Amino acid sequence: MRELKLIQINEYELSDRQRSQILSLLNDCFPGYFEERIFFKQMSQERLLAYSDGDLVGHLGLEHRAIRIGDQWASIFGIVDLCVKEEARRQGVATELLRAVEEKAAANGIHFCLLFADEHKLYQNAGYTLFQNDCVWFGIDEGHSIGLIKRKLTDCMLVKRISGDIPWDETHIVDLLGHLF
């Protein structure tokens, strides 16, 4: 693969071409989830797009939000729908996308990067820790609000400390103060 070019863009600034490229990549990587929209539950605030030779080869959505960990407020970047085109996998694209988000987080005093994933190896190799906290979030299902959900999330929540000394402890309830991303 040639040199990777990363573009950070606000969701509302995406061109029709970029939306089409993102939709194609998401449908290739997550068949059956996205249909005709470029988000699963809710739109991201920003996107980080990875291009090689003008071709979109990687993507992630980014959400900035305040959450509560027990009684403590924390600022997070939520990483959403990280995916890489099949022929570009195992070439460092996902690692580069994560690195770029973490650098942005560090430069802006963000406490944690947080994501939910079934596959953990990439993230654990990048310094993320798997936690199993009781969590509270606003449920969205098939485009409809379904209310607050409180449940222990096992085997999917990965967290990386970026700055500060706020403790992340599995005995604390994590309130996402919004939808699960």
N, C-alpha and C. Protein backbone atom coordinates (compact mmCIF):
# COMPACT_ATOMS: atom_id res chain seq x y z
N MET A 1 0.84 -1.17 0.00
CA MET A 1 0.00 0.00 0.00
C MET A 1 0.89 1.24 0.00
N ARG A 2 0.45 2.23 -0.74
CA ARG A 2 1.18 3.50 -0.77
C ARG A 2 0.89 4.30 0.49
N GLU A 3 1.40 5.50 0.51
CA GLU A 3 1.23 6.38 1.67
C GLU A 3 -0.24 6.57 2.03
N LEU A 4 -0.49 6.56 3.32
CA LEU A 4 -1.84 6.72 3.84
C LEU A 4 -2.09 8.20 4.12
N LYS A 5 -3.23 8.69 3.66
CA LYS A 5 -3.63 10.08 3.92
C LYS A 5 -4.87 10.05 4.78
N LEU A 6 -4.80 10.70 5.96
CA LEU A 6 -5.94 10.75 6.87
C LEU A 6 -6.64 12.09 6.74
N ILE A 7 -7.95 12.03 6.68
CA ILE A 7 -8.78 13.24 6.61
C ILE A 7 -9.78 13.19 7.75
N GLN A 8 -9.77 14.23 8.57
CA GLN A 8 -10.76 14.37 9.64
C GLN A 8 -11.82 15.34 9.15
N ILE A 9 -13.09 14.95 9.28
CA ILE A 9 -14.17 15.78 8.75
C ILE A 9 -15.39 15.67 9.65
N ASN A 10 -16.08 16.79 9.83
CA ASN A 10 -17.34 16.78 10.56
C ASN A 10 -18.38 16.02 9.76
N GLU A 11 -19.26 15.34 10.47
CA GLU A 11 -20.31 14.55 9.82
C GLU A 11 -21.11 15.39 8.82
N TYR A 12 -21.48 16.59 9.21
CA TYR A 12 -22.33 17.42 8.35
C TYR A 12 -21.60 17.98 7.14
N GLU A 13 -20.28 17.85 7.09
CA GLU A 13 -19.50 18.35 5.95
C GLU A 13 -19.21 17.27 4.90
N LEU A 14 -19.61 16.04 5.14
CA LEU A 14 -19.33 14.96 4.20
C LEU A 14 -20.00 15.24 2.85
N SER A 15 -19.25 15.02 1.79
CA SER A 15 -19.82 15.15 0.45
C SER A 15 -20.63 13.90 0.11
N ASP A 16 -21.44 13.99 -0.93
CA ASP A 16 -22.20 12.82 -1.38
C ASP A 16 -21.24 11.69 -1.75
N ARG A 17 -20.13 12.02 -2.38
CA ARG A 17 -19.14 11.01 -2.77
C ARG A 17 -18.56 10.32 -1.53
N GLN A 18 -18.19 11.11 -0.52
CA GLN A 18 -17.64 10.52 0.70
C GLN A 18 -18.68 9.64 1.39
N ARG A 19 -19.92 10.09 1.43
CA ARG A 19 -20.99 9.29 2.04
C ARG A 19 -21.14 7.95 1.31
N SER A 20 -21.08 8.00 -0.01
CA SER A 20 -21.20 6.79 -0.81
C SER A 20 -20.03 5.84 -0.55
N GLN A 21 -18.81 6.39 -0.46
CA GLN A 21 -17.63 5.57 -0.18
C GLN A 21 -17.72 4.94 1.21
N ILE A 22 -18.14 5.74 2.19
CA ILE A 22 -18.27 5.23 3.56
C ILE A 22 -19.32 4.13 3.61
N LEU A 23 -20.46 4.34 2.98
CA LEU A 23 -21.53 3.34 2.98
C LEU A 23 -21.04 2.03 2.37
N SER A 24 -20.33 2.11 1.26
CA SER A 24 -19.80 0.92 0.61
C SER A 24 -18.84 0.17 1.54
N LEU A 25 -17.93 0.91 2.18
CA LEU A 25 -16.97 0.30 3.09
C LEU A 25 -17.68 -0.33 4.29
N LEU A 26 -18.61 0.38 4.89
CA LEU A 26 -19.34 -0.16 6.04
C LEU A 26 -20.11 -1.43 5.67
N ASN A 27 -20.76 -1.42 4.52
CA ASN A 27 -21.52 -2.61 4.10
C ASN A 27 -20.61 -3.79 3.78
N ASP A 28 -19.42 -3.52 3.26
CA ASP A 28 -18.45 -4.60 3.02
C ASP A 28 -17.95 -5.19 4.33
N CYS A 29 -17.71 -4.32 5.32
CA CYS A 29 -17.13 -4.77 6.59
C CYS A 29 -18.16 -5.29 7.58
N PHE A 30 -19.37 -4.75 7.52
CA PHE A 30 -20.43 -5.13 8.46
C PHE A 30 -21.70 -5.46 7.68
N PRO A 31 -21.71 -6.58 6.94
CA PRO A 31 -22.87 -6.89 6.10
C PRO A 31 -24.17 -6.98 6.91
N GLY A 32 -25.21 -6.37 6.38
CA GLY A 32 -26.52 -6.46 6.99
C GLY A 32 -26.84 -5.44 8.06
N TYR A 33 -25.90 -4.55 8.38
CA TYR A 33 -26.13 -3.60 9.46
C TYR A 33 -26.53 -2.21 8.99
N PHE A 34 -25.99 -1.76 7.88
CA PHE A 34 -26.11 -0.34 7.54
C PHE A 34 -27.11 -0.01 6.45
N GLU A 35 -27.43 -0.93 5.59
CA GLU A 35 -28.38 -0.72 4.50
C GLU A 35 -28.05 0.56 3.74
N GLU A 36 -28.87 1.59 3.88
CA GLU A 36 -28.69 2.82 3.09
C GLU A 36 -28.27 4.02 3.92
N ARG A 37 -27.80 3.80 5.14
CA ARG A 37 -27.35 4.94 5.95
C ARG A 37 -25.94 4.65 6.45
N ILE A 38 -25.21 5.70 6.79
CA ILE A 38 -23.81 5.54 7.19
C ILE A 38 -23.64 5.55 8.72
N PHE A 39 -24.68 5.20 9.42
CA PHE A 39 -24.60 5.05 10.87
C PHE A 39 -25.51 3.90 11.28
N PHE A 40 -25.20 3.30 12.42
CA PHE A 40 -25.99 2.17 12.90
C PHE A 40 -27.11 2.66 13.83
N LYS A 41 -26.74 3.26 14.95
CA LYS A 41 -27.74 3.76 15.90
C LYS A 41 -27.95 5.27 15.78
N GLN A 42 -26.84 6.01 15.61
CA GLN A 42 -26.88 7.47 15.58
C GLN A 42 -25.66 7.98 14.81
N MET A 43 -25.78 9.15 14.20
CA MET A 43 -24.66 9.72 13.46
C MET A 43 -23.49 10.05 14.40
N SER A 44 -22.29 9.91 13.89
CA SER A 44 -21.10 10.35 14.62
C SER A 44 -20.98 11.86 14.48
N GLN A 45 -20.19 12.47 15.35
CA GLN A 45 -19.93 13.90 15.22
C GLN A 45 -18.88 14.17 14.14
N GLU A 46 -17.90 13.29 14.09
CA GLU A 46 -16.80 13.43 13.13
C GLU A 46 -16.50 12.07 12.52
N ARG A 47 -15.78 12.12 11.41
CA ARG A 47 -15.26 10.90 10.78
C ARG A 47 -13.77 11.09 10.56
N LEU A 48 -13.05 10.01 10.66
CA LEU A 48 -11.65 9.99 10.27
C LEU A 48 -11.55 8.99 9.13
N LEU A 49 -11.14 9.50 7.97
CA LEU A 49 -11.10 8.69 6.75
C LEU A 49 -9.65 8.46 6.35
N ALA A 50 -9.33 7.23 5.98
CA ALA A 50 -7.98 6.87 5.54
C ALA A 50 -8.02 6.55 4.05
N TYR A 51 -7.21 7.28 3.29
CA TYR A 51 -7.15 7.09 1.84
C TYR A 51 -5.77 6.61 1.44
N SER A 52 -5.73 5.73 0.45
CA SER A 52 -4.50 5.30 -0.20
C SER A 52 -4.73 5.38 -1.70
N ASP A 53 -3.91 6.14 -2.38
CA ASP A 53 -4.07 6.36 -3.82
C ASP A 53 -5.48 6.83 -4.18
N GLY A 54 -6.06 7.67 -3.35
CA GLY A 54 -7.39 8.21 -3.62
C GLY A 54 -8.54 7.27 -3.29
N ASP A 55 -8.23 6.07 -2.81
CA ASP A 55 -9.24 5.06 -2.49
C ASP A 55 -9.47 5.04 -0.98
N LEU A 56 -10.73 5.09 -0.54
CA LEU A 56 -11.04 4.99 0.89
C LEU A 56 -10.74 3.57 1.35
N VAL A 57 -9.77 3.44 2.26
CA VAL A 57 -9.38 2.11 2.74
C VAL A 57 -9.67 1.90 4.22
N GLY A 58 -9.99 2.98 4.94
CA GLY A 58 -10.27 2.85 6.36
C GLY A 58 -11.14 3.98 6.86
N HIS A 59 -11.81 3.73 7.96
CA HIS A 59 -12.79 4.69 8.47
C HIS A 59 -13.02 4.47 9.95
N LEU A 60 -13.32 5.54 10.65
CA LEU A 60 -13.92 5.43 11.98
C LEU A 60 -14.77 6.65 12.24
N GLY A 61 -15.79 6.46 13.05
CA GLY A 61 -16.61 7.56 13.54
C GLY A 61 -16.09 7.96 14.91
N LEU A 62 -16.27 9.23 15.25
CA LEU A 62 -15.75 9.74 16.51
C LEU A 62 -16.82 10.57 17.22
N GLU A 63 -17.00 10.28 18.50
CA GLU A 63 -17.94 11.03 19.33
C GLU A 63 -17.20 11.59 20.53
N HIS A 64 -17.38 12.87 20.80
CA HIS A 64 -16.84 13.49 22.00
C HIS A 64 -17.99 13.65 22.97
N ARG A 65 -17.79 13.19 24.18
CA ARG A 65 -18.90 13.23 25.13
C ARG A 65 -18.36 13.20 26.56
N ALA A 66 -19.17 13.71 27.47
CA ALA A 66 -18.92 13.56 28.90
C ALA A 66 -19.66 12.31 29.36
N ILE A 67 -19.01 11.54 30.23
CA ILE A 67 -19.65 10.38 30.85
C ILE A 67 -19.39 10.47 32.35
N ARG A 68 -20.02 9.58 33.08
CA ARG A 68 -19.74 9.48 34.52
C ARG A 68 -19.23 8.07 34.81
N ILE A 69 -18.16 8.03 35.59
CA ILE A 69 -17.60 6.77 36.07
C ILE A 69 -17.75 6.84 37.59
N GLY A 70 -18.75 6.15 38.11
CA GLY A 70 -19.09 6.34 39.51
C GLY A 70 -19.55 7.78 39.72
N ASP A 71 -18.88 8.49 40.63
CA ASP A 71 -19.22 9.89 40.91
C ASP A 71 -18.36 10.88 40.13
N GLN A 72 -17.47 10.40 39.29
CA GLN A 72 -16.53 11.26 38.57
C GLN A 72 -17.01 11.54 37.15
N TRP A 73 -16.85 12.79 36.72
CA TRP A 73 -17.06 13.14 35.32
C TRP A 73 -15.80 12.82 34.54
N ALA A 74 -15.96 12.37 33.31
CA ALA A 74 -14.81 12.12 32.44
C ALA A 74 -15.16 12.54 31.01
N SER A 75 -14.17 13.04 30.32
CA SER A 75 -14.31 13.40 28.92
C SER A 75 -13.76 12.25 28.08
N ILE A 76 -14.54 11.81 27.10
CA ILE A 76 -14.10 10.67 26.29
C ILE A 76 -14.22 10.97 24.81
N PHE A 77 -13.46 10.22 24.05
CA PHE A 77 -13.70 10.05 22.63
C PHE A 77 -14.26 8.64 22.47
N GLY A 78 -15.45 8.53 21.93
CA GLY A 78 -16.03 7.25 21.60
C GLY A 78 -15.68 6.90 20.16
N ILE A 79 -15.08 5.76 19.96
CA ILE A 79 -14.66 5.31 18.63
C ILE A 79 -15.74 4.36 18.10
N VAL A 80 -16.21 4.66 16.90
CA VAL A 80 -17.38 3.99 16.34
C VAL A 80 -17.04 3.40 14.96
N ASP A 81 -17.46 2.17 14.71
CA ASP A 81 -17.44 1.57 13.37
C ASP A 81 -16.07 1.62 12.70
N LEU A 82 -15.01 1.33 13.46
CA LEU A 82 -13.68 1.24 12.85
C LEU A 82 -13.68 0.08 11.87
N CYS A 83 -13.30 0.37 10.64
CA CYS A 83 -13.24 -0.70 9.64
C CYS A 83 -12.20 -0.38 8.58
N VAL A 84 -11.67 -1.43 7.98
CA VAL A 84 -10.63 -1.32 6.95
C VAL A 84 -11.01 -2.23 5.79
N LYS A 85 -10.85 -1.71 4.59
CA LYS A 85 -11.11 -2.47 3.37
C LYS A 85 -10.30 -3.77 3.41
N GLU A 86 -10.92 -4.85 2.97
CA GLU A 86 -10.30 -6.17 3.11
C GLU A 86 -8.87 -6.23 2.55
N GLU A 87 -8.65 -5.69 1.37
CA GLU A 87 -7.32 -5.78 0.77
C GLU A 87 -6.29 -4.86 1.43
N ALA A 88 -6.73 -3.99 2.33
CA ALA A 88 -5.80 -3.09 3.04
C ALA A 88 -5.56 -3.53 4.49
N ARG A 89 -6.15 -4.64 4.89
CA ARG A 89 -5.99 -5.10 6.27
C ARG A 89 -4.59 -5.62 6.53
N ARG A 90 -4.21 -5.58 7.79
CA ARG A 90 -2.90 -6.03 8.26
C ARG A 90 -1.75 -5.22 7.65
N GLN A 91 -2.06 -3.97 7.34
CA GLN A 91 -1.04 -3.06 6.81
C GLN A 91 -0.92 -1.80 7.67
N GLY A 92 -1.50 -1.83 8.87
CA GLY A 92 -1.35 -0.72 9.80
C GLY A 92 -2.39 0.38 9.68
N VAL A 93 -3.40 0.21 8.84
CA VAL A 93 -4.40 1.26 8.65
C VAL A 93 -5.19 1.49 9.93
N ALA A 94 -5.71 0.44 10.53
CA ALA A 94 -6.50 0.60 11.76
C ALA A 94 -5.65 1.17 12.89
N THR A 95 -4.42 0.70 13.00
CA THR A 95 -3.51 1.22 14.02
C THR A 95 -3.26 2.70 13.82
N GLU A 96 -3.09 3.12 12.59
CA GLU A 96 -2.87 4.53 12.29
C GLU A 96 -4.11 5.37 12.61
N LEU A 97 -5.29 4.86 12.32
CA LEU A 97 -6.52 5.57 12.67
C LEU A 97 -6.63 5.74 14.19
N LEU A 98 -6.36 4.68 14.94
CA LEU A 98 -6.40 4.77 16.40
C LEU A 98 -5.36 5.76 16.92
N ARG A 99 -4.15 5.70 16.38
CA ARG A 99 -3.09 6.60 16.81
C ARG A 99 -3.49 8.06 16.60
N ALA A 100 -4.10 8.35 15.45
CA ALA A 100 -4.51 9.72 15.16
C ALA A 100 -5.56 10.21 16.15
N VAL A 101 -6.51 9.36 16.49
CA VAL A 101 -7.54 9.72 17.47
C VAL A 101 -6.91 9.95 18.84
N GLU A 102 -6.00 9.07 19.24
CA GLU A 102 -5.36 9.19 20.54
C GLU A 102 -4.51 10.45 20.63
N GLU A 103 -3.82 10.82 19.55
CA GLU A 103 -3.05 12.06 19.53
C GLU A 103 -3.96 13.27 19.69
N LYS A 104 -5.08 13.25 19.00
CA LYS A 104 -6.05 14.34 19.11
C LYS A 104 -6.60 14.41 20.54
N ALA A 105 -6.88 13.26 21.12
CA ALA A 105 -7.38 13.21 22.50
C ALA A 105 -6.35 13.79 23.46
N ALA A 106 -5.10 13.39 23.33
CA ALA A 106 -4.05 13.88 24.22
C ALA A 106 -3.86 15.39 24.08
N ALA A 107 -3.93 15.89 22.87
CA ALA A 107 -3.74 17.33 22.63
C ALA A 107 -4.89 18.16 23.19
N ASN A 108 -6.02 17.52 23.47
CA ASN A 108 -7.21 18.25 23.93
C ASN A 108 -7.69 17.85 25.32
N GLY A 109 -6.84 17.16 26.08
CA GLY A 109 -7.17 16.84 27.46
C GLY A 109 -8.29 15.84 27.65
N ILE A 110 -8.53 15.00 26.66
CA ILE A 110 -9.55 13.95 26.77
C ILE A 110 -9.02 12.87 27.71
N HIS A 111 -9.86 12.41 28.62
CA HIS A 111 -9.41 11.44 29.62
C HIS A 111 -9.26 10.02 29.07
N PHE A 112 -10.24 9.57 28.28
CA PHE A 112 -10.23 8.18 27.81
C PHE A 112 -10.70 8.09 26.37
N CYS A 113 -10.22 7.08 25.67
CA CYS A 113 -10.84 6.63 24.42
C CYS A 113 -11.59 5.35 24.78
N LEU A 114 -12.79 5.23 24.25
CA LEU A 114 -13.70 4.15 24.61
C LEU A 114 -14.35 3.60 23.35
N LEU A 115 -14.47 2.29 23.28
CA LEU A 115 -15.14 1.67 22.14
C LEU A 115 -15.76 0.35 22.57
N PHE A 116 -16.62 -0.14 21.72
CA PHE A 116 -17.28 -1.43 21.94
C PHE A 116 -16.99 -2.30 20.73
N ALA A 117 -16.43 -3.50 20.98
CA ALA A 117 -16.06 -4.38 19.87
C ALA A 117 -16.12 -5.83 20.32
N ASP A 118 -16.45 -6.70 19.38
CA ASP A 118 -16.45 -8.13 19.65
C ASP A 118 -15.05 -8.72 19.52
N GLU A 119 -14.26 -8.16 18.63
CA GLU A 119 -12.87 -8.60 18.42
C GLU A 119 -11.95 -7.66 19.19
N HIS A 120 -11.06 -8.21 20.03
CA HIS A 120 -10.29 -7.38 20.95
C HIS A 120 -8.81 -7.24 20.61
N LYS A 121 -8.25 -8.15 19.85
CA LYS A 121 -6.80 -8.23 19.68
C LYS A 121 -6.18 -6.92 19.21
N LEU A 122 -6.71 -6.33 18.15
CA LEU A 122 -6.17 -5.07 17.63
C LEU A 122 -6.12 -4.01 18.73
N TYR A 123 -7.20 -3.88 19.47
CA TYR A 123 -7.31 -2.83 20.48
C TYR A 123 -6.41 -3.11 21.68
N GLN A 124 -6.37 -4.36 22.11
CA GLN A 124 -5.49 -4.70 23.23
C GLN A 124 -4.03 -4.51 22.84
N ASN A 125 -3.67 -4.82 21.60
CA ASN A 125 -2.31 -4.57 21.13
C ASN A 125 -1.99 -3.08 21.10
N ALA A 126 -3.03 -2.24 20.99
CA ALA A 126 -2.84 -0.79 20.97
C ALA A 126 -2.97 -0.18 22.37
N GLY A 127 -3.05 -1.02 23.41
CA GLY A 127 -3.07 -0.52 24.78
C GLY A 127 -4.44 -0.36 25.41
N TYR A 128 -5.48 -0.85 24.77
CA TYR A 128 -6.83 -0.79 25.33
C TYR A 128 -7.03 -1.96 26.29
N THR A 129 -7.82 -1.71 27.33
CA THR A 129 -8.12 -2.72 28.34
C THR A 129 -9.60 -3.07 28.28
N LEU A 130 -9.89 -4.35 28.36
CA LEU A 130 -11.27 -4.83 28.37
C LEU A 130 -11.83 -4.69 29.79
N PHE A 131 -12.94 -3.97 29.93
CA PHE A 131 -13.60 -3.79 31.22
C PHE A 131 -15.00 -4.38 31.17
N GLN A 132 -15.52 -4.75 32.35
CA GLN A 132 -16.86 -5.33 32.46
C GLN A 132 -17.66 -4.58 33.52
N ASN A 133 -17.93 -3.33 33.24
CA ASN A 133 -18.69 -2.50 34.17
C ASN A 133 -20.19 -2.66 33.97
N ASP A 134 -20.94 -2.35 35.03
CA ASP A 134 -22.36 -2.07 34.86
C ASP A 134 -22.44 -0.73 34.16
N CYS A 135 -23.26 -0.63 33.14
CA CYS A 135 -23.37 0.60 32.35
C CYS A 135 -24.82 1.03 32.23
N VAL A 136 -25.00 2.32 32.02
CA VAL A 136 -26.31 2.90 31.75
C VAL A 136 -26.20 3.65 30.44
N TRP A 137 -27.17 3.44 29.55
CA TRP A 137 -27.19 4.17 28.29
C TRP A 137 -28.61 4.31 27.79
N PHE A 138 -28.77 5.19 26.83
CA PHE A 138 -30.07 5.43 26.22
C PHE A 138 -30.21 4.46 25.05
N GLY A 139 -31.21 3.62 25.10
CA GLY A 139 -31.40 2.60 24.08
C GLY A 139 -32.05 3.13 22.81
N ILE A 140 -31.50 2.71 21.69
CA ILE A 140 -32.07 3.00 20.37
C ILE A 140 -32.13 1.67 19.64
N ASP A 141 -33.30 1.34 19.07
CA ASP A 141 -33.44 0.09 18.34
C ASP A 141 -34.24 0.34 17.07
N GLU A 142 -33.65 -0.01 15.94
CA GLU A 142 -34.32 0.15 14.64
C GLU A 142 -34.89 1.55 14.45
N GLY A 143 -34.11 2.56 14.86
CA GLY A 143 -34.52 3.94 14.65
C GLY A 143 -35.53 4.47 15.64
N HIS A 144 -35.74 3.74 16.73
CA HIS A 144 -36.71 4.18 17.74
C HIS A 144 -36.05 4.20 19.12
N SER A 145 -36.38 5.24 19.90
CA SER A 145 -35.92 5.33 21.28
C SER A 145 -36.66 4.29 22.11
N ILE A 146 -35.92 3.56 22.93
CA ILE A 146 -36.57 2.53 23.75
C ILE A 146 -36.34 2.74 25.24
N GLY A 147 -35.70 3.84 25.63
CA GLY A 147 -35.54 4.15 27.05
C GLY A 147 -34.17 3.82 27.59
N LEU A 148 -34.02 4.01 28.89
CA LEU A 148 -32.74 3.75 29.55
C LEU A 148 -32.54 2.25 29.74
N ILE A 149 -31.29 1.84 29.53
CA ILE A 149 -30.90 0.45 29.73
C ILE A 149 -29.78 0.44 30.76
N LYS A 150 -29.86 -0.45 31.72
CA LYS A 150 -28.79 -0.63 32.70
C LYS A 150 -28.42 -2.10 32.69
N ARG A 151 -27.16 -2.36 32.36
CA ARG A 151 -26.74 -3.75 32.21
C ARG A 151 -25.22 -3.83 32.30
N LYS A 152 -24.73 -4.94 32.78
CA LYS A 152 -23.29 -5.19 32.77
C LYS A 152 -22.90 -5.53 31.33
N LEU A 153 -21.91 -4.82 30.84
CA LEU A 153 -21.40 -5.12 29.50
C LEU A 153 -20.18 -6.02 29.66
N THR A 154 -20.31 -7.23 29.19
CA THR A 154 -19.22 -8.19 29.30
C THR A 154 -18.65 -8.44 27.92
N ASP A 155 -17.34 -8.49 27.84
CA ASP A 155 -16.64 -8.91 26.64
C ASP A 155 -16.79 -7.96 25.45
N CYS A 156 -16.98 -6.65 25.69
CA CYS A 156 -17.07 -5.76 24.52
C CYS A 156 -16.57 -4.34 24.76
N MET A 157 -16.45 -3.89 26.01
CA MET A 157 -16.07 -2.50 26.28
C MET A 157 -14.56 -2.39 26.49
N LEU A 158 -13.92 -1.63 25.60
CA LEU A 158 -12.48 -1.45 25.64
C LEU A 158 -12.16 0.02 25.89
N VAL A 159 -11.21 0.26 26.80
CA VAL A 159 -10.91 1.61 27.27
C VAL A 159 -9.40 1.82 27.27
N LYS A 160 -8.99 3.04 26.88
CA LYS A 160 -7.58 3.43 26.98
C LYS A 160 -7.51 4.79 27.65
N ARG A 161 -6.74 4.85 28.74
CA ARG A 161 -6.52 6.13 29.42
C ARG A 161 -5.62 6.99 28.54
N ILE A 162 -6.02 8.25 28.37
CA ILE A 162 -5.23 9.18 27.57
C ILE A 162 -4.60 10.24 28.47
N SER A 163 -5.38 10.82 29.40
CA SER A 163 -4.84 11.85 30.29
C SER A 163 -5.61 11.84 31.60
N GLY A 164 -5.04 12.52 32.59
CA GLY A 164 -5.71 12.66 33.88
C GLY A 164 -5.54 11.45 34.77
N ASP A 165 -6.14 11.53 35.94
CA ASP A 165 -5.99 10.46 36.93
C ASP A 165 -7.33 9.93 37.43
N ILE A 166 -8.37 10.12 36.65
CA ILE A 166 -9.68 9.57 37.02
C ILE A 166 -9.59 8.05 37.00
N PRO A 167 -9.96 7.40 38.09
CA PRO A 167 -9.86 5.93 38.10
C PRO A 167 -10.95 5.29 37.25
N TRP A 168 -10.57 4.23 36.55
CA TRP A 168 -11.57 3.40 35.86
C TRP A 168 -11.58 2.08 36.60
N ASP A 169 -12.65 1.82 37.28
CA ASP A 169 -12.75 0.66 38.16
C ASP A 169 -14.01 -0.10 37.80
N GLU A 170 -13.91 -1.41 37.69
CA GLU A 170 -15.08 -2.21 37.31
C GLU A 170 -16.18 -2.21 38.36
N THR A 171 -15.89 -1.71 39.56
CA THR A 171 -16.94 -1.63 40.58
C THR A 171 -17.81 -0.39 40.40
N HIS A 172 -17.38 0.55 39.57
CA HIS A 172 -18.15 1.77 39.33
C HIS A 172 -19.14 1.59 38.19
N ILE A 173 -20.31 2.19 38.34
CA ILE A 173 -21.26 2.22 37.23
C ILE A 173 -20.80 3.27 36.24
N VAL A 174 -20.79 2.91 34.97
CA VAL A 174 -20.44 3.85 33.90
C VAL A 174 -21.74 4.32 33.26
N ASP A 175 -22.01 5.62 33.36
CA ASP A 175 -23.19 6.21 32.73
C ASP A 175 -22.72 6.90 31.46
N LEU A 176 -23.12 6.38 30.32
CA LEU A 176 -22.69 6.93 29.04
C LEU A 176 -23.37 8.25 28.70
N LEU A 177 -24.38 8.62 29.47
CA LEU A 177 -25.08 9.90 29.26
C LEU A 177 -25.51 10.08 27.81
N GLY A 178 -25.96 9.00 27.23
CA GLY A 178 -26.40 9.01 25.84
C GLY A 178 -26.47 7.59 25.31
N HIS A 179 -26.52 7.48 24.00
CA HIS A 179 -26.66 6.17 23.37
C HIS A 179 -25.35 5.38 23.41
N LEU A 180 -25.47 4.09 23.25
CA LEU A 180 -24.33 3.19 23.12
C LEU A 180 -23.80 3.33 21.71
N PHE A 181 -22.52 3.56 21.56
CA PHE A 181 -21.96 3.75 20.22
C PHE A 181 -21.15 2.55 19.80
